[in-house]
């Protein structure tokens, strides 16, 4: 291989490396965003589970939850 061929290969590898670095940075941003979304969803799920357990235990916040249904 000649020096010019080696230089071309080095330049090509540098371009590919720069492209891969950009891709990795973008993926890292997406992962961080998804982690934040997952944290929010986990908190919402915990809230829903607590609410459902409270409803099942009869500790509902609504006074109508403990009242008998009207008779017609």
N, C-alpha and C. Protein backbone atom coordinates (compact mmCIF):
# COMPACT_ATOMS: atom_id res chain seq x y z
N UNK A 1 0.84 -1.18 0.00
CA UNK A 1 0.00 0.00 0.00
C UNK A 1 0.88 1.24 0.00
N UNK A 2 0.41 2.21 -0.70
CA UNK A 2 1.16 3.45 -0.75
C UNK A 2 0.74 4.36 0.39
N UNK A 3 1.50 5.41 0.60
CA UNK A 3 1.19 6.36 1.66
C UNK A 3 -0.17 7.01 1.45
N UNK A 4 -0.51 7.30 0.20
CA UNK A 4 -1.81 7.95 -0.06
C UNK A 4 -2.96 7.00 0.24
N UNK A 5 -2.78 5.72 -0.05
CA UNK A 5 -3.81 4.73 0.26
C UNK A 5 -4.01 4.63 1.78
N UNK A 6 -2.89 4.62 2.52
CA UNK A 6 -2.98 4.56 3.98
C UNK A 6 -3.66 5.81 4.54
N UNK A 7 -3.33 6.96 3.98
CA UNK A 7 -3.95 8.20 4.44
C UNK A 7 -5.46 8.17 4.20
N UNK A 8 -5.85 7.68 3.03
CA UNK A 8 -7.28 7.60 2.70
C UNK A 8 -8.00 6.67 3.68
N UNK A 9 -7.36 5.56 4.00
CA UNK A 9 -7.97 4.62 4.95
C UNK A 9 -8.07 5.24 6.34
N UNK A 10 -7.04 5.96 6.75
CA UNK A 10 -7.08 6.62 8.06
C UNK A 10 -8.19 7.66 8.09
N UNK A 11 -8.31 8.44 7.04
CA UNK A 11 -9.36 9.46 6.97
C UNK A 11 -10.74 8.79 7.01
N UNK A 12 -10.89 7.71 6.27
CA UNK A 12 -12.17 6.98 6.26
C UNK A 12 -12.48 6.44 7.65
N UNK A 13 -11.50 5.89 8.32
CA UNK A 13 -11.71 5.39 9.68
C UNK A 13 -12.06 6.53 10.64
N UNK A 14 -11.44 7.68 10.49
CA UNK A 14 -11.75 8.82 11.34
C UNK A 14 -13.18 9.30 11.12
N UNK A 15 -13.61 9.31 9.86
CA UNK A 15 -14.98 9.70 9.55
C UNK A 15 -15.97 8.72 10.15
N UNK A 16 -15.69 7.44 10.02
CA UNK A 16 -16.57 6.42 10.59
C UNK A 16 -16.62 6.52 12.10
N UNK A 17 -15.47 6.78 12.73
CA UNK A 17 -15.42 6.92 14.18
C UNK A 17 -16.24 8.13 14.63
N UNK A 18 -16.11 9.23 13.92
CA UNK A 18 -16.89 10.43 14.26
C UNK A 18 -18.38 10.15 14.12
N UNK A 19 -18.77 9.46 13.07
CA UNK A 19 -20.18 9.10 12.87
C UNK A 19 -20.67 8.20 14.00
N UNK A 20 -19.86 7.22 14.38
CA UNK A 20 -20.25 6.32 15.46
C UNK A 20 -20.34 7.06 16.79
N UNK A 21 -19.46 8.01 17.02
CA UNK A 21 -19.53 8.81 18.25
C UNK A 21 -20.84 9.59 18.30
N UNK A 22 -21.24 10.16 17.16
CA UNK A 22 -22.51 10.89 17.12
C UNK A 22 -23.69 9.96 17.40
N UNK A 23 -23.65 8.78 16.82
CA UNK A 23 -24.72 7.80 17.03
C UNK A 23 -24.78 7.40 18.51
N UNK A 24 -23.63 7.14 19.11
CA UNK A 24 -23.58 6.75 20.52
C UNK A 24 -24.11 7.86 21.41
N UNK A 25 -23.75 9.10 21.11
CA UNK A 25 -24.26 10.24 21.90
C UNK A 25 -25.77 10.33 21.81
N UNK A 26 -26.31 10.14 20.61
CA UNK A 26 -27.76 10.17 20.43
C UNK A 26 -28.45 9.04 21.19
N UNK A 27 -27.85 7.86 21.15
CA UNK A 27 -28.42 6.73 21.87
C UNK A 27 -28.36 6.95 23.38
N UNK A 28 -27.27 7.53 23.87
CA UNK A 28 -27.18 7.84 25.29
C UNK A 28 -28.26 8.81 25.73
N UNK A 29 -28.55 9.81 24.90
CA UNK A 29 -29.62 10.76 25.21
C UNK A 29 -30.97 10.05 25.26
N UNK A 30 -31.20 9.15 24.32
CA UNK A 30 -32.46 8.41 24.30
C UNK A 30 -32.59 7.51 25.53
N UNK A 31 -31.51 6.87 25.92
CA UNK A 31 -31.54 6.00 27.09
C UNK A 31 -31.85 6.83 28.34
N UNK A 32 -31.21 7.99 28.46
CA UNK A 32 -31.47 8.85 29.62
C UNK A 32 -32.92 9.31 29.65
N UNK A 33 -33.46 9.67 28.50
CA UNK A 33 -34.85 10.09 28.42
C UNK A 33 -35.79 8.95 28.78
N UNK A 34 -35.52 7.77 28.28
CA UNK A 34 -36.36 6.61 28.60
C UNK A 34 -36.28 6.24 30.07
N UNK A 35 -35.11 6.41 30.68
CA UNK A 35 -34.98 6.15 32.12
C UNK A 35 -35.84 7.11 32.92
N UNK A 36 -35.86 8.38 32.52
CA UNK A 36 -36.71 9.35 33.21
C UNK A 36 -38.18 9.00 33.05
N UNK A 37 -38.57 8.62 31.84
CA UNK A 37 -39.96 8.22 31.60
C UNK A 37 -40.31 6.99 32.42
N UNK A 38 -39.40 6.05 32.50
CA UNK A 38 -39.65 4.83 33.26
C UNK A 38 -39.80 5.15 34.75
N UNK A 39 -39.01 6.09 35.26
CA UNK A 39 -39.14 6.48 36.66
C UNK A 39 -40.52 7.07 36.93
N UNK A 40 -41.00 7.91 36.03
CA UNK A 40 -42.32 8.51 36.19
C UNK A 40 -43.39 7.42 36.14
N UNK A 41 -43.27 6.51 35.20
CA UNK A 41 -44.26 5.44 35.07
C UNK A 41 -44.25 4.53 36.29
N UNK A 42 -43.09 4.28 36.87
CA UNK A 42 -43.02 3.44 38.06
C UNK A 42 -43.71 4.13 39.24
N UNK A 43 -43.52 5.44 39.37
CA UNK A 43 -44.19 6.17 40.45
C UNK A 43 -45.70 6.15 40.25
N UNK A 44 -46.13 6.31 39.00
CA UNK A 44 -47.57 6.26 38.72
C UNK A 44 -48.13 4.87 39.02
N UNK A 45 -47.39 3.85 38.68
CA UNK A 45 -47.84 2.48 38.94
C UNK A 45 -47.93 2.23 40.44
N UNK A 46 -46.96 2.70 41.20
CA UNK A 46 -47.01 2.53 42.64
C UNK A 46 -48.22 3.24 43.23
N UNK A 47 -48.52 4.43 42.71
CA UNK A 47 -49.69 5.16 43.18
C UNK A 47 -50.97 4.38 42.86
N UNK A 48 -51.05 3.85 41.65
CA UNK A 48 -52.24 3.08 41.27
C UNK A 48 -52.39 1.82 42.12
N UNK A 49 -51.29 1.15 42.40
CA UNK A 49 -51.36 -0.06 43.23
C UNK A 49 -51.84 0.30 44.63
N UNK A 50 -51.30 1.38 45.20
CA UNK A 50 -51.76 1.81 46.54
C UNK A 50 -53.24 2.16 46.51
N UNK A 51 -53.65 2.87 45.48
CA UNK A 51 -55.06 3.25 45.38
C UNK A 51 -55.96 2.03 45.27
N UNK A 52 -55.56 1.07 44.45
CA UNK A 52 -56.36 -0.15 44.29
C UNK A 52 -56.41 -0.94 45.60
N UNK A 53 -55.30 -1.01 46.31
CA UNK A 53 -55.29 -1.72 47.59
C UNK A 53 -56.20 -1.03 48.60
N UNK A 54 -56.14 0.29 48.63
CA UNK A 54 -57.01 1.04 49.54
C UNK A 54 -58.48 0.81 49.19
N UNK A 55 -58.78 0.76 47.92
CA UNK A 55 -60.17 0.52 47.50
C UNK A 55 -60.60 -0.89 47.89
N UNK A 56 -59.70 -1.84 47.75
CA UNK A 56 -60.02 -3.23 48.08
C UNK A 56 -60.18 -3.41 49.58
N UNK A 57 -59.44 -2.63 50.34
CA UNK A 57 -59.52 -2.72 51.81
C UNK A 57 -60.71 -1.94 52.35
N UNK A 58 -61.40 -1.24 51.50
CA UNK A 58 -62.56 -0.47 51.94
C UNK A 58 -62.20 0.87 52.54
N UNK A 59 -61.00 1.33 52.27
CA UNK A 59 -60.56 2.62 52.78
C UNK A 59 -60.68 3.70 51.72
N UNK A 60 -61.66 3.61 50.87
CA UNK A 60 -61.83 4.58 49.80
C UNK A 60 -62.06 5.98 50.34
N UNK A 61 -61.64 6.97 49.58
CA UNK A 61 -61.79 8.36 50.00
C UNK A 61 -63.22 8.85 49.86
N UNK A 62 -63.99 8.21 49.02
CA UNK A 62 -65.35 8.66 48.76
C UNK A 62 -66.31 8.11 49.83
N UNK A 63 -67.14 8.99 50.43
CA UNK A 63 -68.11 8.47 51.40
C UNK A 63 -69.14 7.54 50.76
N UNK A 64 -69.38 7.73 49.48
CA UNK A 64 -70.36 6.89 48.78
C UNK A 64 -69.86 5.45 48.66
N UNK A 65 -68.57 5.24 48.83
CA UNK A 65 -68.03 3.89 48.70
C UNK A 65 -68.52 2.99 49.83
N UNK A 66 -68.85 3.56 50.98
CA UNK A 66 -69.29 2.78 52.13
C UNK A 66 -70.80 2.76 52.30
N UNK A 67 -71.52 3.52 51.49
CA UNK A 67 -72.97 3.58 51.61
C UNK A 67 -73.62 2.43 50.86
N UNK A 68 -74.70 1.90 51.38
CA UNK A 68 -75.41 0.85 50.64
C UNK A 68 -76.11 1.46 49.43
N UNK A 69 -76.35 0.68 48.41
CA UNK A 69 -77.01 1.20 47.22
C UNK A 69 -78.48 1.55 47.53
N UNK A 70 -79.03 2.50 46.78
CA UNK A 70 -80.43 2.86 47.03
C UNK A 70 -81.36 1.73 46.59
N UNK A 71 -82.47 1.58 47.33
CA UNK A 71 -83.45 0.56 47.00
C UNK A 71 -84.63 1.22 46.31
N UNK A 72 -85.10 0.60 45.27
CA UNK A 72 -86.22 1.17 44.52
C UNK A 72 -87.50 0.44 44.84
